[in-house]
Amino acid sequence: MEDRESRYERIVRLRSDPSTYYALLGMRVEGLEEGKSRLVLPVEKKHLNAGGVVHGGALASLADASIAAALATLMDLEREGMITVEMKINYLAPVRDGQLSAEGKVIQKGRSIAVGESCLYDSSGKLVAKATATFMIQPRS
């Protein structure tokens, strides 16, 4: 298993590739700790729905990505992969502009299943969404 620093560098590198969904939305990793992550998303017009607020799908994507990044800090990325199998999100307040931040955290990690949560905040630090997700951990082929 690679050392923690190499693993964290890999997590950021994979999520910084300009051809990924992360780049399409404009998400970026701002911090990693063991079992935790912080991702940000500067709100742009492309994130807004017809009502002028950030689309729930963009919020869900940011939540999912933050939990996955947190989980990746605990995995052997050479030998294991992960797949989101279930996610629930509560939307608590609308966001129209500024920057979103998501704090992902692993609640439980087993050999084949992991559960995590994400809290999403607006630029003022107000909680705007909360999500929980279950991931399947599988050996890489």
C-alpha atoms as a PDB file:
ATOM      1  CA  MET A   1       0.000   0.000   0.000  1.00  0.00           C
ATOM      2  CA  GLU A   2       1.352   3.424  -0.922  1.00  0.00           C
ATOM      3  CA  ASP A   3       2.163   5.876   1.859  1.00  0.00           C
ATOM      4  CA  ARG A   4      -0.400   8.442   2.955  1.00  0.00           C
ATOM      5  CA  GLU A   5       1.220  11.403   1.192  1.00  0.00           C
ATOM      6  CA  SER A   6       1.368   9.542  -2.139  1.00  0.00           C
ATOM      7  CA  ARG A   7      -2.237   8.398  -1.704  1.00  0.00           C
ATOM      8  CA  TYR A   8      -3.414  11.968  -1.013  1.00  0.00           C
ATOM      9  CA  GLU A   9      -1.488  13.269  -4.040  1.00  0.00           C
ATOM     10  CA  ARG A  10      -3.151  10.596  -6.193  1.00  0.00           C
ATOM     11  CA  ILE A  11      -6.616  11.509  -4.862  1.00  0.00           C
ATOM     12  CA  VAL A  12      -6.096  15.174  -5.761  1.00  0.00           C
ATOM     13  CA  ARG A  13      -4.513  14.358  -9.146  1.00  0.00           C
ATOM     14  CA  LEU A  14      -7.357  12.064 -10.215  1.00  0.00           C
ATOM     15  CA  ARG A  15      -9.922  14.681  -9.221  1.00  0.00           C
ATOM     16  CA  SER A  16      -8.017  17.501 -10.967  1.00  0.00           C
ATOM     17  CA  ASP A  17      -7.900  15.895 -14.413  1.00  0.00           C
ATOM     18  CA  PRO A  18      -9.545  18.396 -16.800  1.00  0.00           C
ATOM     19  CA  SER A  19     -11.433  15.593 -18.590  1.00  0.00           C
ATOM     20  CA  THR A  20     -13.349  14.461 -15.489  1.00  0.00           C
ATOM     21  CA  TYR A  21     -16.813  15.275 -14.159  1.00  0.00           C
ATOM     22  CA  TYR A  22     -15.115  17.145 -11.305  1.00  0.00           C
ATOM     23  CA  ALA A  23     -13.616  19.568 -13.825  1.00  0.00           C
ATOM     24  CA  LEU A  24     -16.880  19.843 -15.766  1.00  0.00           C
ATOM     25  CA  LEU A  25     -18.624  21.139 -12.653  1.00  0.00           C
ATOM     26  CA  GLY A  26     -15.596  23.077 -11.363  1.00  0.00           C
ATOM     27  CA  MET A  27     -15.114  21.096  -8.137  1.00  0.00           C
ATOM     28  CA  ARG A  28     -11.714  20.961  -6.502  1.00  0.00           C
ATOM     29  CA  VAL A  29     -10.193  19.270  -3.488  1.00  0.00           C
ATOM     30  CA  GLU A  30      -9.140  21.791  -0.843  1.00  0.00           C
ATOM     31  CA  GLY A  31      -8.137  19.444   1.950  1.00  0.00           C
ATOM     32  CA  LEU A  32      -7.691  15.819   2.944  1.00  0.00           C
ATOM     33  CA  GLU A  33      -7.265  14.128   6.292  1.00  0.00           C
ATOM     34  CA  GLU A  34      -7.605  10.501   7.295  1.00  0.00           C
ATOM     35  CA  GLY A  35     -11.268   9.710   6.610  1.00  0.00           C
ATOM     36  CA  LYS A  36     -12.149  13.350   5.812  1.00  0.00           C
ATOM     37  CA  SER A  37     -12.159  15.704   2.851  1.00  0.00           C
ATOM     38  CA  ARG A  38     -13.061  19.254   1.925  1.00  0.00           C
ATOM     39  CA  LEU A  39     -14.149  20.084  -1.616  1.00  0.00           C
ATOM     40  CA  VAL A  40     -15.246  23.438  -2.999  1.00  0.00           C
ATOM     41  CA  LEU A  41     -17.394  24.505  -5.924  1.00  0.00           C
ATOM     42  CA  PRO A  42     -17.458  28.147  -7.040  1.00  0.00           C
ATOM     43  CA  VAL A  43     -21.067  28.773  -8.104  1.00  0.00           C
ATOM     44  CA  GLU A  44     -21.424  29.751 -11.764  1.00  0.00           C
ATOM     45  CA  LYS A  45     -24.449  30.366 -13.970  1.00  0.00           C
ATOM     46  CA  LYS A  46     -24.107  26.816 -15.352  1.00  0.00           C
ATOM     47  CA  HIS A  47     -24.947  25.418 -11.888  1.00  0.00           C
ATOM     48  CA  LEU A  48     -28.298  27.212 -11.630  1.00  0.00           C
ATOM     49  CA  ASN A  49     -31.684  25.692 -12.338  1.00  0.00           C
ATOM     50  CA  ALA A  50     -34.561  27.497 -14.068  1.00  0.00           C
ATOM     51  CA  GLY A  51     -35.495  29.104 -10.745  1.00  0.00           C
ATOM     52  CA  GLY A  52     -32.086  30.757 -10.372  1.00  0.00           C
ATOM     53  CA  VAL A  53     -30.744  28.580  -7.552  1.00  0.00           C
ATOM     54  CA  VAL A  54     -28.030  25.923  -7.608  1.00  0.00           C
ATOM     55  CA  HIS A  55     -29.484  22.717  -9.062  1.00  0.00           C
ATOM     56  CA  GLY A  56     -29.940  19.875  -6.602  1.00  0.00           C
ATOM     57  CA  GLY A  57     -27.912  17.621  -8.889  1.00  0.00           C
ATOM     58  CA  ALA A  58     -24.873  19.892  -8.526  1.00  0.00           C
ATOM     59  CA  LEU A  59     -25.228  19.792  -4.738  1.00  0.00           C
ATOM     60  CA  ALA A  60     -25.632  16.000  -4.791  1.00  0.00           C
ATOM     61  CA  SER A  61     -22.559  15.654  -7.011  1.00  0.00           C
ATOM     62  CA  LEU A  62     -20.478  17.745  -4.633  1.00  0.00           C
ATOM     63  CA  ALA A  63     -21.704  15.739  -1.626  1.00  0.00           C
ATOM     64  CA  ASP A  64     -20.992  12.390  -3.330  1.00  0.00           C
ATOM     65  CA  ALA A  65     -17.544  13.554  -4.414  1.00  0.00           C
ATOM     66  CA  SER A  66     -16.605  14.736  -0.922  1.00  0.00           C
ATOM     67  CA  ILE A  67     -17.588  11.427   0.672  1.00  0.00           C
ATOM     68  CA  ALA A  68     -15.727   9.476  -2.026  1.00  0.00           C
ATOM     69  CA  ALA A  69     -12.577  11.562  -1.525  1.00  0.00           C
ATOM     70  CA  ALA A  70     -12.775  11.002   2.247  1.00  0.00           C
ATOM     71  CA  LEU A  71     -13.157   7.260   1.688  1.00  0.00           C
ATOM     72  CA  ALA A  72     -10.237   7.201  -0.746  1.00  0.00           C
ATOM     73  CA  THR A  73      -7.939   8.376   2.066  1.00  0.00           C
ATOM     74  CA  LEU A  74      -8.604   5.062   3.838  1.00  0.00           C
ATOM     75  CA  MET A  75      -8.222   2.756   0.853  1.00  0.00           C
ATOM     76  CA  ASP A  76      -5.443   0.956  -0.975  1.00  0.00           C
ATOM     77  CA  LEU A  77      -6.078   2.666  -4.316  1.00  0.00           C
ATOM     78  CA  GLU A  78      -3.831   0.215  -6.166  1.00  0.00           C
ATOM     79  CA  ARG A  79      -5.976  -2.743  -5.100  1.00  0.00           C
ATOM     80  CA  GLU A  80      -9.420  -1.331  -4.278  1.00  0.00           C
ATOM     81  CA  GLY A  81     -12.089   0.658  -6.075  1.00  0.00           C
ATOM     82  CA  MET A  82     -15.370   2.136  -4.850  1.00  0.00           C
ATOM     83  CA  ILE A  83     -18.859   2.574  -6.216  1.00  0.00           C
ATOM     84  CA  THR A  84     -21.666   4.654  -4.735  1.00  0.00           C
ATOM     85  CA  VAL A  85     -24.619   2.312  -4.228  1.00  0.00           C
ATOM     86  CA  GLU A  86     -26.999   4.631  -2.365  1.00  0.00           C
ATOM     87  CA  MET A  87     -27.180   8.287  -1.358  1.00  0.00           C
ATOM     88  CA  LYS A  88     -29.738  10.419   0.460  1.00  0.00           C
ATOM     89  CA  ILE A  89     -29.582  14.194   0.577  1.00  0.00           C
ATOM     90  CA  ASN A  90     -31.599  16.827   2.419  1.00  0.00           C
ATOM     91  CA  TYR A  91     -31.676  20.262   0.799  1.00  0.00           C
ATOM     92  CA  LEU A  92     -31.915  22.808   3.590  1.00  0.00           C
ATOM     93  CA  ALA A  93     -31.494  26.228   1.936  1.00  0.00           C
ATOM     94  CA  PRO A  94     -31.192  27.630  -1.592  1.00  0.00           C
ATOM     95  CA  VAL A  95     -27.877  28.889  -2.944  1.00  0.00           C
ATOM     96  CA  ARG A  96     -27.674  31.481  -5.713  1.00  0.00           C
ATOM     97  CA  ASP A  97     -24.031  32.529  -5.796  1.00  0.00           C
ATOM     98  CA  GLY A  98     -20.708  32.471  -3.966  1.00  0.00           C
ATOM     99  CA  GLN A  99     -18.821  29.302  -3.216  1.00  0.00           C
ATOM    100  CA  LEU A 100     -20.058  25.986  -1.888  1.00  0.00           C
ATOM    101  CA  SER A 101     -17.905  23.834   0.352  1.00  0.00           C
ATOM    102  CA  ALA A 102     -18.487  20.200   1.229  1.00  0.00           C
ATOM    103  CA  GLU A 103     -16.991  18.431   4.205  1.00  0.00           C
ATOM    104  CA  GLY A 104     -17.004  14.688   3.646  1.00  0.00           C
ATOM    105  CA  LYS A 105     -16.439  12.186   6.434  1.00  0.00           C
ATOM    106  CA  VAL A 106     -16.339   8.399   6.617  1.00  0.00           C
ATOM    107  CA  ILE A 107     -18.614   7.083   9.365  1.00  0.00           C
ATOM    108  CA  GLN A 108     -17.788   3.387   8.946  1.00  0.00           C
ATOM    109  CA  LYS A 109     -15.512   1.442   6.597  1.00  0.00           C
ATOM    110  CA  GLY A 110     -15.569  -2.319   6.369  1.00  0.00           C
ATOM    111  CA  ARG A 111     -13.994  -4.664   3.823  1.00  0.00           C
ATOM    112  CA  SER A 112     -16.797  -4.336   1.286  1.00  0.00           C
ATOM    113  CA  ILE A 113     -19.129  -1.556   2.484  1.00  0.00           C
ATOM    114  CA  ALA A 114     -18.489   1.996   3.690  1.00  0.00           C
ATOM    115  CA  VAL A 115     -20.864   4.704   4.904  1.00  0.00           C
ATOM    116  CA  GLY A 116     -20.115   8.402   4.875  1.00  0.00           C
ATOM    117  CA  GLU A 117     -21.716  11.798   5.258  1.00  0.00           C
ATOM    118  CA  SER A 118     -21.267  15.244   3.780  1.00  0.00           C
ATOM    119  CA  CYS A 119     -22.261  18.683   5.038  1.00  0.00           C
ATOM    120  CA  LEU A 120     -22.507  21.415   2.388  1.00  0.00           C
ATOM    121  CA  TYR A 121     -22.093  25.080   3.304  1.00  0.00           C
ATOM    122  CA  ASP A 122     -22.571  28.355   1.452  1.00  0.00           C
ATOM    123  CA  SER A 123     -20.061  31.241   1.456  1.00  0.00           C
ATOM    124  CA  SER A 124     -21.353  32.529   4.792  1.00  0.00           C
ATOM    125  CA  GLY A 125     -20.914  29.131   6.458  1.00  0.00           C
ATOM    126  CA  LYS A 126     -24.632  28.310   6.496  1.00  0.00           C
ATOM    127  CA  LEU A 127     -25.487  24.604   6.228  1.00  0.00           C
ATOM    128  CA  VAL A 128     -27.405  24.242   2.935  1.00  0.00           C
ATOM    129  CA  ALA A 129     -27.502  20.443   2.485  1.00  0.00           C
ATOM    130  CA  LYS A 130     -26.646  17.232   4.306  1.00  0.00           C
ATOM    131  CA  ALA A 131     -26.093  13.854   2.662  1.00  0.00           C
ATOM    132  CA  THR A 132     -25.314  10.275   3.622  1.00  0.00           C
ATOM    133  CA  ALA A 133     -24.060   7.639   1.210  1.00  0.00           C
ATOM    134  CA  THR A 134     -23.169   3.964   1.080  1.00  0.00           C
ATOM    135  CA  PHE A 135     -20.262   2.756  -1.059  1.00  0.00           C
ATOM    136  CA  MET A 136     -19.319  -0.714  -2.192  1.00  0.00           C
ATOM    137  CA  ILE A 137     -15.591  -1.451  -2.022  1.00  0.00           C
ATOM    138  CA  GLN A 138     -14.348  -3.945  -4.609  1.00  0.00           C
ATOM    139  CA  PRO A 139     -10.992  -5.352  -5.619  1.00  0.00           C
ATOM    140  CA  ARG A 140      -9.575  -3.785  -8.793  1.00  0.00           C
ATOM    141  CA  SER A 141      -9.295  -6.293 -11.612  1.00  0.00           C
END
